[in-house]
């Protein structure tokens, strides 16, 4: 079995998109609205921070 290695030129961008996916998943979770919104906001804040961090690369 061969494994493929993907070259990631900007890991911050990759991590940011993962946090965005997590944020949108939080909105669809089976929780109260306040919990979903809090989780979404926390994940998006992390995604934005990662995007800002990787912006100069």
PDB file of N, CA and C in Angstrom:
ATOM      1  N   UNK A   1       0.846  -1.177   0.000  1.00  0.00           N
ATOM      2  CA  UNK A   1       0.000   0.000   0.000  1.00  0.00           C
ATOM      3  C   UNK A   1       0.889   1.237   0.000  1.00  0.00           C
ATOM      4  N   UNK A   2       0.667   2.088  -0.950  1.00  0.00           N
ATOM      5  CA  UNK A   2       1.442   3.320  -1.019  1.00  0.00           C
ATOM      6  C   UNK A   2       0.680   4.439  -0.343  1.00  0.00           C
ATOM      7  N   UNK A   3       1.431   5.289   0.312  1.00  0.00           N
ATOM      8  CA  UNK A   3       0.793   6.437   0.940  1.00  0.00           C
ATOM      9  C   UNK A   3       1.192   7.689   0.183  1.00  0.00           C
ATOM     10  N   UNK A   4       0.278   8.568   0.066  1.00  0.00           N
ATOM     11  CA  UNK A   4       0.533   9.828  -0.620  1.00  0.00           C
ATOM     12  C   UNK A   4       0.802  10.903   0.409  1.00  0.00           C
ATOM     13  N   UNK A   5       1.806  11.671   0.139  1.00  0.00           N
ATOM     14  CA  UNK A   5       2.118  12.809   0.996  1.00  0.00           C
ATOM     15  C   UNK A   5       1.807  14.074   0.229  1.00  0.00           C
ATOM     16  N   UNK A   6       0.961  14.883   0.790  1.00  0.00           N
ATOM     17  CA  UNK A   6       0.595  16.129   0.151  1.00  0.00           C
ATOM     18  C   UNK A   6       1.496  17.226   0.689  1.00  0.00           C
ATOM     19  N   UNK A   7       2.094  17.966  -0.193  1.00  0.00           N
ATOM     20  CA  UNK A   7       2.934  19.080   0.198  1.00  0.00           C
ATOM     21  C   UNK A   7       2.039  20.259   0.542  1.00  0.00           C
ATOM     22  N   UNK A   8       2.098  20.676   1.776  1.00  0.00           N
ATOM     23  CA  UNK A   8       1.308  21.812   2.221  1.00  0.00           C
ATOM     24  C   UNK A   8       2.222  23.014   2.303  1.00  0.00           C
ATOM     25  N   UNK A   9       2.017  23.964   1.423  1.00  0.00           N
ATOM     26  CA  UNK A   9       2.860  25.150   1.418  1.00  0.00           C
ATOM     27  C   UNK A   9       2.517  26.090   2.557  1.00  0.00           C
ATOM     28  N   UNK A  10       1.291  26.095   2.971  1.00  0.00           N
ATOM     29  CA  UNK A  10       0.874  26.974   4.048  1.00  0.00           C
ATOM     30  C   UNK A  10       0.037  26.186   5.046  1.00  0.00           C
ATOM     31  N   UNK A  11       0.686  25.597   6.057  1.00  0.00           N
ATOM     32  CA  UNK A  11      -0.075  24.796   7.018  1.00  0.00           C
ATOM     33  C   UNK A  11      -1.107  25.612   7.791  1.00  0.00           C
ATOM     34  N   UNK A  12      -0.856  26.894   7.996  1.00  0.00           N
ATOM     35  CA  UNK A  12      -1.824  27.725   8.709  1.00  0.00           C
ATOM     36  C   UNK A  12      -3.140  27.800   7.947  1.00  0.00           C
ATOM     37  N   UNK A  13      -3.050  27.871   6.625  1.00  0.00           N
ATOM     38  CA  UNK A  13      -4.264  27.930   5.797  1.00  0.00           C
ATOM     39  C   UNK A  13      -5.036  26.624   5.908  1.00  0.00           C
ATOM     40  N   UNK A  14      -4.316  25.520   5.916  1.00  0.00           N
ATOM     41  CA  UNK A  14      -4.952  24.218   6.045  1.00  0.00           C
ATOM     42  C   UNK A  14      -5.631  24.081   7.410  1.00  0.00           C
ATOM     43  N   UNK A  15      -4.935  24.511   8.448  1.00  0.00           N
ATOM     44  CA  UNK A  15      -5.518  24.440   9.787  1.00  0.00           C
ATOM     45  C   UNK A  15      -6.708  25.383   9.920  1.00  0.00           C
ATOM     46  N   UNK A  16      -6.611  26.535   9.286  1.00  0.00           N
ATOM     47  CA  UNK A  16      -7.718  27.491   9.334  1.00  0.00           C
ATOM     48  C   UNK A  16      -8.966  26.911   8.687  1.00  0.00           C
ATOM     49  N   UNK A  17      -8.794  26.236   7.562  1.00  0.00           N
ATOM     50  CA  UNK A  17      -9.966  25.648   6.908  1.00  0.00           C
ATOM     51  C   UNK A  17     -10.552  24.509   7.752  1.00  0.00           C
ATOM     52  N   UNK A  18      -9.700  23.812   8.476  1.00  0.00           N
ATOM     53  CA  UNK A  18     -10.206  22.768   9.370  1.00  0.00           C
ATOM     54  C   UNK A  18     -11.019  23.378  10.503  1.00  0.00           C
ATOM     55  N   UNK A  19     -10.559  24.515  11.030  1.00  0.00           N
ATOM     56  CA  UNK A  19     -11.309  25.182  12.094  1.00  0.00           C
ATOM     57  C   UNK A  19     -12.623  25.749  11.573  1.00  0.00           C
ATOM     58  N   UNK A  20     -12.628  26.197  10.324  1.00  0.00           N
ATOM     59  CA  UNK A  20     -13.881  26.685   9.730  1.00  0.00           C
ATOM     60  C   UNK A  20     -14.882  25.541   9.596  1.00  0.00           C
ATOM     61  N   UNK A  21     -14.401  24.392   9.174  1.00  0.00           N
ATOM     62  CA  UNK A  21     -15.286  23.233   9.064  1.00  0.00           C
ATOM     63  C   UNK A  21     -15.846  22.864  10.433  1.00  0.00           C
ATOM     64  N   UNK A  22     -14.999  22.947  11.427  1.00  0.00           N
ATOM     65  CA  UNK A  22     -15.442  22.661  12.796  1.00  0.00           C
ATOM     66  C   UNK A  22     -16.491  23.674  13.251  1.00  0.00           C
ATOM     67  N   UNK A  23     -16.307  24.937  12.860  1.00  0.00           N
ATOM     68  CA  UNK A  23     -17.259  25.980  13.223  1.00  0.00           C
ATOM     69  C   UNK A  23     -18.628  25.709  12.605  1.00  0.00           C
ATOM     70  N   UNK A  24     -18.640  25.339  11.316  1.00  0.00           N
ATOM     71  CA  UNK A  24     -19.919  25.070  10.657  1.00  0.00           C
ATOM     72  C   UNK A  24     -20.570  23.797  11.201  1.00  0.00           C
ATOM     73  N   UNK A  25     -19.751  22.845  11.609  1.00  0.00           N
ATOM     74  CA  UNK A  25     -20.304  21.642  12.226  1.00  0.00           C
ATOM     75  C   UNK A  25     -20.943  21.979  13.562  1.00  0.00           C
ATOM     76  N   UNK A  26     -20.365  22.938  14.276  1.00  0.00           N
ATOM     77  CA  UNK A  26     -20.926  23.352  15.563  1.00  0.00           C
ATOM     78  C   UNK A  26     -22.323  23.931  15.392  1.00  0.00           C
ATOM     79  N   UNK A  27     -22.542  24.620  14.281  1.00  0.00           N
ATOM     80  CA  UNK A  27     -23.871  25.200  14.031  1.00  0.00           C
ATOM     81  C   UNK A  27     -24.928  24.122  13.812  1.00  0.00           C
ATOM     82  N   UNK A  28     -24.505  22.979  13.277  1.00  0.00           N
ATOM     83  CA  UNK A  28     -25.463  21.908  12.981  1.00  0.00           C
ATOM     84  C   UNK A  28     -25.588  20.885  14.113  1.00  0.00           C
ATOM     85  N   UNK A  29     -24.871  21.110  15.199  1.00  0.00           N
ATOM     86  CA  UNK A  29     -24.880  20.140  16.304  1.00  0.00           C
ATOM     87  C   UNK A  29     -26.236  20.121  17.007  1.00  0.00           C
ATOM     88  N   UNK A  30     -26.452  19.064  17.734  1.00  0.00           N
ATOM     89  CA  UNK A  30     -27.697  18.899  18.486  1.00  0.00           C
ATOM     90  C   UNK A  30     -27.499  19.473  19.888  1.00  0.00           C
ATOM     91  N   UNK A  31     -27.394  20.793  19.950  1.00  0.00           N
ATOM     92  CA  UNK A  31     -27.187  21.508  21.212  1.00  0.00           C
ATOM     93  C   UNK A  31     -28.074  22.736  21.212  1.00  0.00           C
ATOM     94  N   UNK A  32     -28.076  23.427  22.331  1.00  0.00           N
ATOM     95  CA  UNK A  32     -28.876  24.651  22.391  1.00  0.00           C
ATOM     96  C   UNK A  32     -28.241  25.715  21.493  1.00  0.00           C
ATOM     97  N   UNK A  33     -29.028  26.686  21.132  1.00  0.00           N
ATOM     98  CA  UNK A  33     -28.552  27.737  20.249  1.00  0.00           C
ATOM     99  C   UNK A  33     -27.367  28.475  20.854  1.00  0.00           C
ATOM    100  N   UNK A  34     -27.419  28.772  22.138  1.00  0.00           N
ATOM    101  CA  UNK A  34     -26.323  29.512  22.763  1.00  0.00           C
ATOM    102  C   UNK A  34     -25.021  28.712  22.743  1.00  0.00           C
ATOM    103  N   UNK A  35     -25.101  27.411  22.944  1.00  0.00           N
ATOM    104  CA  UNK A  35     -23.906  26.563  22.910  1.00  0.00           C
ATOM    105  C   UNK A  35     -23.366  26.487  21.492  1.00  0.00           C
ATOM    106  N   UNK A  36     -24.249  26.316  20.514  1.00  0.00           N
ATOM    107  CA  UNK A  36     -23.815  26.242  19.119  1.00  0.00           C
ATOM    108  C   UNK A  36     -23.137  27.533  18.686  1.00  0.00           C
ATOM    109  N   UNK A  37     -23.727  28.665  19.061  1.00  0.00           N
ATOM    110  CA  UNK A  37     -23.166  29.959  18.682  1.00  0.00           C
ATOM    111  C   UNK A  37     -21.814  30.189  19.358  1.00  0.00           C
ATOM    112  N   UNK A  38     -21.695  29.816  20.613  1.00  0.00           N
ATOM    113  CA  UNK A  38     -20.423  29.974  21.328  1.00  0.00           C
ATOM    114  C   UNK A  38     -19.336  29.130  20.683  1.00  0.00           C
ATOM    115  N   UNK A  39     -19.651  27.878  20.362  1.00  0.00           N
ATOM    116  CA  UNK A  39     -18.665  26.996  19.723  1.00  0.00           C
ATOM    117  C   UNK A  39     -18.283  27.505  18.331  1.00  0.00           C
ATOM    118  N   UNK A  40     -19.273  27.995  17.593  1.00  0.00           N
ATOM    119  CA  UNK A  40     -18.999  28.555  16.268  1.00  0.00           C
ATOM    120  C   UNK A  40     -18.056  29.749  16.381  1.00  0.00           C
ATOM    121  N   UNK A  41     -18.363  30.667  17.285  1.00  0.00           N
ATOM    122  CA  UNK A  41     -17.540  31.867  17.440  1.00  0.00           C
ATOM    123  C   UNK A  41     -16.118  31.533  17.880  1.00  0.00           C
ATOM    124  N   UNK A  42     -15.966  30.575  18.781  1.00  0.00           N
ATOM    125  CA  UNK A  42     -14.633  30.178  19.230  1.00  0.00           C
ATOM    126  C   UNK A  42     -13.821  29.572  18.086  1.00  0.00           C
ATOM    127  N   UNK A  43     -14.437  28.702  17.302  1.00  0.00           N
ATOM    128  CA  UNK A  43     -13.737  28.064  16.197  1.00  0.00           C
ATOM    129  C   UNK A  43     -13.381  29.077  15.104  1.00  0.00           C
ATOM    130  N   UNK A  44     -14.296  29.995  14.807  1.00  0.00           N
ATOM    131  CA  UNK A  44     -14.014  31.001  13.784  1.00  0.00           C
ATOM    132  C   UNK A  44     -12.926  31.963  14.247  1.00  0.00           C
ATOM    133  N   UNK A  45     -12.872  32.265  15.536  1.00  0.00           N
ATOM    134  CA  UNK A  45     -11.811  33.128  16.057  1.00  0.00           C
ATOM    135  C   UNK A  45     -10.452  32.458  15.855  1.00  0.00           C
ATOM    136  N   UNK A  46     -10.383  31.155  16.090  1.00  0.00           N
ATOM    137  CA  UNK A  46      -9.130  30.429  15.879  1.00  0.00           C
ATOM    138  C   UNK A  46      -8.769  30.392  14.400  1.00  0.00           C
ATOM    139  N   UNK A  47      -9.770  30.203  13.541  1.00  0.00           N
ATOM    140  CA  UNK A  47      -9.523  30.175  12.096  1.00  0.00           C
ATOM    141  C   UNK A  47      -9.010  31.531  11.615  1.00  0.00           C
ATOM    142  N   UNK A  48      -9.625  32.602  12.082  1.00  0.00           N
ATOM    143  CA  UNK A  48      -9.189  33.941  11.675  1.00  0.00           C
ATOM    144  C   UNK A  48      -7.773  34.234  12.158  1.00  0.00           C
ATOM    145  N   UNK A  49      -7.458  33.794  13.380  1.00  0.00           N
ATOM    146  CA  UNK A  49      -6.108  34.002  13.915  1.00  0.00           C
ATOM    147  C   UNK A  49      -5.079  33.249  13.077  1.00  0.00           C
ATOM    148  N   UNK A  50      -5.407  32.023  12.687  1.00  0.00           N
ATOM    149  CA  UNK A  50      -4.484  31.249  11.851  1.00  0.00           C
ATOM    150  C   UNK A  50      -4.305  31.868  10.478  1.00  0.00           C
ATOM    151  N   UNK A  51      -5.397  32.390   9.909  1.00  0.00           N
ATOM    152  CA  UNK A  51      -5.307  33.038   8.605  1.00  0.00           C
ATOM    153  C   UNK A  51      -4.445  34.295   8.694  1.00  0.00           C
ATOM    154  N   UNK A  52      -4.596  35.060   9.756  1.00  0.00           N
ATOM    155  CA  UNK A  52      -3.803  36.268   9.938  1.00  0.00           C
ATOM    156  C   UNK A  52      -2.331  35.908  10.148  1.00  0.00           C
ATOM    157  N   UNK A  53      -2.082  34.855  10.847  1.00  0.00           N
ATOM    158  CA  UNK A  53      -0.722  34.397  11.118  1.00  0.00           C
ATOM    159  C   UNK A  53      -0.031  33.943   9.830  1.00  0.00           C
ATOM    160  N   UNK A  54      -0.766  33.291   8.968  1.00  0.00           N
ATOM    161  CA  UNK A  54      -0.187  32.763   7.731  1.00  0.00           C
ATOM    162  C   UNK A  54      -0.254  33.732   6.574  1.00  0.00           C
ATOM    163  N   UNK A  55      -0.787  34.908   6.780  1.00  0.00           N
ATOM    164  CA  UNK A  55      -0.966  35.856   5.690  1.00  0.00           C
ATOM    165  C   UNK A  55       0.330  36.373   5.072  1.00  0.00           C
ATOM    166  N   UNK A  56       1.410  36.398   5.849  1.00  0.00           N
ATOM    167  CA  UNK A  56       2.660  36.929   5.331  1.00  0.00           C
ATOM    168  C   UNK A  56       3.522  35.918   4.622  1.00  0.00           C
ATOM    169  N   UNK A  57       3.066  34.664   4.501  1.00  0.00           N
ATOM    170  CA  UNK A  57       3.894  33.622   3.876  1.00  0.00           C
ATOM    171  C   UNK A  57       3.776  33.621   2.377  1.00  0.00           C
TER     172      UNK A  57
END
